[in-house]
Protein backbone atom coordinates (compact mmCIF):
# COMPACT_ATOMS: atom_id res chain seq x y z
CA UNK A 1 -14.64 -46.27 -22.65
CA UNK A 2 -13.25 -45.91 -25.47
CA UNK A 3 -12.98 -42.53 -26.91
CA UNK A 4 -12.05 -41.02 -30.35
CA UNK A 5 -9.00 -39.62 -32.04
CA UNK A 6 -11.08 -35.84 -31.85
CA UNK A 7 -11.64 -36.40 -28.53
CA UNK A 8 -8.89 -37.22 -27.74
CA UNK A 9 -7.02 -34.55 -28.53
CA UNK A 10 -9.32 -32.32 -26.65
CA UNK A 11 -8.58 -34.36 -23.80
CA UNK A 12 -5.16 -34.85 -23.31
CA UNK A 13 -4.27 -30.84 -23.03
CA UNK A 14 -7.09 -30.88 -20.51
CA UNK A 15 -5.59 -34.01 -18.47
CA UNK A 16 -1.72 -32.70 -19.29
CA UNK A 17 -2.85 -29.35 -17.20
CA UNK A 18 -4.29 -30.61 -14.16
CA UNK A 19 -1.66 -33.49 -13.52
CA UNK A 20 0.99 -30.72 -13.52
CA UNK A 21 -1.20 -28.25 -11.47
CA UNK A 22 -1.67 -31.48 -8.81
CA UNK A 23 2.57 -32.30 -8.57
CA UNK A 24 3.01 -27.62 -8.21
CA UNK A 25 1.10 -28.04 -5.23
CA UNK A 26 3.04 -30.81 -4.04
CA UNK A 27 5.53 -29.59 -3.95
CA UNK A 28 7.23 -28.37 -0.24
CA UNK A 29 7.38 -24.57 -1.05
CA UNK A 30 10.87 -23.32 -0.10
CA UNK A 31 11.23 -20.27 1.54
CA UNK A 32 13.24 -17.64 -1.21
CA UNK A 33 16.43 -15.98 1.11
CA UNK A 34 14.22 -13.10 1.43
CA UNK A 35 11.80 -13.90 3.87
CA UNK A 36 14.27 -16.29 5.95
CA UNK A 37 14.59 -14.45 9.39
CA UNK A 38 17.96 -12.36 9.67
CA UNK A 39 20.64 -13.61 13.08
CA UNK A 40 21.12 -9.79 14.89
CA UNK A 41 24.22 -8.63 14.53
CA UNK A 42 26.19 -7.77 18.23
CA UNK A 43 25.62 -4.08 19.05
CA UNK A 44 29.44 -2.97 20.57
CA UNK A 45 29.06 -1.62 24.07
CA UNK A 46 30.75 0.79 26.39
CA UNK A 47 33.26 -1.84 28.81
CA UNK A 48 34.06 -3.88 25.34
CA UNK A 49 36.73 -5.40 24.63
CA UNK A 50 37.25 -6.03 21.05
CA UNK A 51 39.97 -7.41 18.55
CA UNK A 52 41.05 -5.43 15.73
CA UNK A 53 43.13 -7.78 13.66
CA UNK A 54 44.96 -5.68 10.65
CA UNK A 55 46.35 -8.68 8.73
CA UNK A 56 50.00 -8.40 8.08
CA UNK A 57 50.46 -5.64 10.21
CA UNK A 58 50.73 -7.22 14.10
CA UNK A 59 51.77 -3.67 14.35
CA UNK A 60 48.66 -1.99 14.17
CA UNK A 61 46.75 -5.88 15.34
CA UNK A 62 45.55 -5.32 19.40
CA UNK A 63 42.75 -5.90 21.86
CA UNK A 64 41.11 -2.45 22.86
CA UNK A 65 38.76 -1.71 25.76
CA UNK A 66 36.22 0.68 24.03
CA UNK A 67 35.50 3.22 26.65
CA UNK A 68 32.98 5.00 28.57
CA UNK A 69 32.76 7.65 25.50
CA UNK A 70 31.83 4.98 23.20
CA UNK A 71 35.04 5.27 21.00
CA UNK A 72 38.45 2.85 20.64
CA UNK A 73 41.85 4.42 20.18
CA UNK A 74 44.51 2.60 17.64
CA UNK A 75 47.48 3.10 15.46
CA UNK A 76 48.07 6.12 12.80
CA UNK A 77 43.63 6.01 12.96
CA UNK A 78 43.21 7.38 16.27
CA UNK A 79 39.82 7.50 17.87
CA UNK A 80 36.78 5.16 16.50
CA UNK A 81 33.86 5.16 17.80
CA UNK A 82 33.06 2.00 18.78
CA UNK A 83 29.96 2.07 20.60
CA UNK A 84 26.48 1.60 19.12
CA UNK A 85 27.68 0.15 15.54
CA UNK A 86 28.67 -3.14 14.98
CA UNK A 87 31.96 -5.32 14.58
CA UNK A 88 31.39 -5.45 10.10
CA UNK A 89 30.48 -2.01 10.27
CA UNK A 90 33.38 -1.04 12.52
CA UNK A 91 35.45 -3.18 10.49
CA UNK A 92 34.61 -1.34 7.26
CA UNK A 93 35.32 1.69 8.68
CA UNK A 94 38.36 0.74 10.21
CA UNK A 95 39.72 0.02 6.72
CA UNK A 96 38.40 2.83 5.07
CA UNK A 97 40.26 5.00 8.15
CA UNK A 98 43.81 2.95 6.92
CA UNK A 99 43.27 3.52 3.03
CA UNK A 100 45.11 6.52 3.81
CA UNK A 101 48.13 4.15 4.85
CA UNK A 102 48.23 0.87 3.64
CA UNK A 103 47.27 -0.28 0.54
CA UNK A 104 43.82 -2.85 0.12
CA UNK A 105 44.39 -3.17 3.94
CA UNK A 106 42.34 -6.80 5.69
CA UNK A 107 41.27 -5.99 8.89
CA UNK A 108 38.96 -8.09 11.16
CA UNK A 109 37.09 -7.23 14.88
CA UNK A 110 35.79 -9.91 16.74
CA UNK A 111 33.73 -8.99 20.44
CA UNK A 112 36.54 -10.59 22.27
CA UNK A 113 34.55 -10.29 25.71
CA UNK A 114 30.91 -8.73 25.58
CA UNK A 115 30.61 -6.98 28.92
CA UNK A 116 28.40 -3.84 27.74
CA UNK A 117 24.57 -5.77 27.38
CA UNK A 118 23.63 -5.91 30.69
CA UNK A 119 20.52 -5.31 32.75
CA UNK A 120 19.56 -4.43 36.44
CA UNK A 121 17.59 -5.58 38.64
CA UNK A 122 16.02 -3.75 41.77
CA UNK A 123 13.71 -3.08 45.31
CA UNK A 124 12.66 -6.73 47.12
CA UNK A 125 15.67 -8.98 45.96
CA UNK A 126 18.46 -9.75 47.84
CA UNK A 127 20.89 -9.53 45.69
CA UNK A 128 20.14 -6.27 44.07
CA UNK A 129 22.40 -4.33 40.69
CA UNK A 130 24.37 -4.34 37.03
CA UNK A 131 24.12 -7.67 36.06
CA UNK A 132 25.17 -9.21 32.42
CA UNK A 133 23.40 -10.24 30.01
CA UNK A 134 25.99 -12.74 28.49
CA UNK A 135 23.26 -15.38 27.46
CA UNK A 136 19.16 -15.35 26.51
CA UNK A 137 16.85 -15.00 30.02
CA UNK A 138 14.26 -14.14 30.94
CA UNK A 139 12.72 -12.27 33.97
CA UNK A 140 12.27 -15.44 35.86
CA UNK A 141 16.52 -16.25 35.16
CA UNK A 142 16.45 -12.62 36.63
CA UNK A 143 15.06 -12.45 39.40
CA UNK A 144 17.25 -16.60 39.52
CA UNK A 145 20.30 -14.48 39.24
CA UNK A 146 19.13 -11.99 41.62
CA UNK A 147 19.07 -14.48 44.50
CA UNK A 148 15.28 -14.68 45.03
CA UNK A 149 12.43 -12.44 46.79
CA UNK A 150 13.05 -11.12 50.58
CA UNK A 151 9.95 -11.69 52.55
CA UNK A 152 7.57 -8.56 51.17
CA UNK A 153 8.11 -8.12 48.33
CA UNK A 154 5.11 -7.69 45.82
CA UNK A 155 6.10 -10.10 43.36
CA UNK A 156 2.38 -10.10 41.61
CA UNK A 157 3.07 -6.67 40.83
CA UNK A 158 6.55 -6.55 39.03
CA UNK A 159 7.93 -5.40 35.43
CA UNK A 160 10.69 -4.51 32.90
CA UNK A 161 11.00 -1.23 32.37
CA UNK A 162 12.09 -1.04 28.65
CA UNK A 163 14.52 1.77 27.07
CA UNK A 164 12.54 2.27 23.29
CA UNK A 165 15.06 2.68 20.97
CA UNK A 166 14.09 6.64 20.11
CA UNK A 167 14.78 6.73 24.41
CA UNK A 168 10.72 7.56 25.62
CA UNK A 169 10.49 4.09 28.31
CA UNK A 170 7.69 1.49 27.90
CA UNK A 171 6.84 -0.43 31.34
CA UNK A 172 5.99 -4.92 30.65
CA UNK A 173 3.79 -6.21 33.48
CA UNK A 174 4.54 -9.50 34.88
CA UNK A 175 2.74 -11.26 37.81
CA UNK A 176 5.52 -13.73 39.29
CA UNK A 177 2.66 -15.84 40.81
CA UNK A 178 0.80 -16.22 37.17
CA UNK A 179 3.53 -17.45 36.04
CA UNK A 180 4.69 -19.92 37.73
CA UNK A 181 0.88 -21.21 37.59
CA UNK A 182 1.74 -21.84 33.65
CA UNK A 183 -1.10 -18.14 32.84
CA UNK A 184 -0.37 -15.89 30.91
CA UNK A 185 3.42 -17.14 30.25
CA UNK A 186 4.16 -13.96 28.17
CA UNK A 187 4.32 -11.67 30.46
CA UNK A 188 8.30 -13.46 31.13
CA UNK A 189 9.45 -11.80 27.87
CA UNK A 190 13.64 -11.98 27.38
CA UNK A 191 14.84 -9.80 28.17
CA UNK A 192 17.23 -6.50 26.83
CA UNK A 193 20.37 -4.64 27.39
CA UNK A 194 19.24 -1.83 29.29
CA UNK A 195 15.53 -4.22 30.91
CA UNK A 196 16.07 -2.70 34.28
CA UNK A 197 13.24 -5.70 36.45
CA UNK A 198 11.40 -3.78 38.73
CA UNK A 199 10.11 -5.74 42.03
CA UNK A 200 8.35 -3.74 44.62
């Protein structure tokens, strides 16, 4: 099929526009940094052990435990709130406090021992108590850590008590029989610090 020059002048812009749109739709969409999931930073708690390093200041640098009151003690600064904060937040606070004594202090805070993140499991299990949440754990993992069920455990009526940010409690049901059959697997939630698994 032949086109006149005038026809080509009309058709060419349309063809170019269609081609550009097709090319754009073929390109993979790259998520923007804001759309990417952000890593959750560790929240310091009582019993954690922190390494506080101040560059070129060995007298101030040390390992410090977070006391039950949530504070740590450092030379020059004294007591400082650590519990409920992230290492980077505490790092910035220490740096700010040290500016009264040092010129441009460089501070690094590292969690040496994470002892504050714990969960509880109570009731009809072999070893009820409080356990370290040192890795990603589910309700099934918690039951295994506690040595399994006792003879008269009501395995269909287990639940997790979870403390919300406002201090209130929410109850998450867990039916062991359903989960081990592969049913309603969403019940097997990942545990959070301060969760309590109740096995009636």
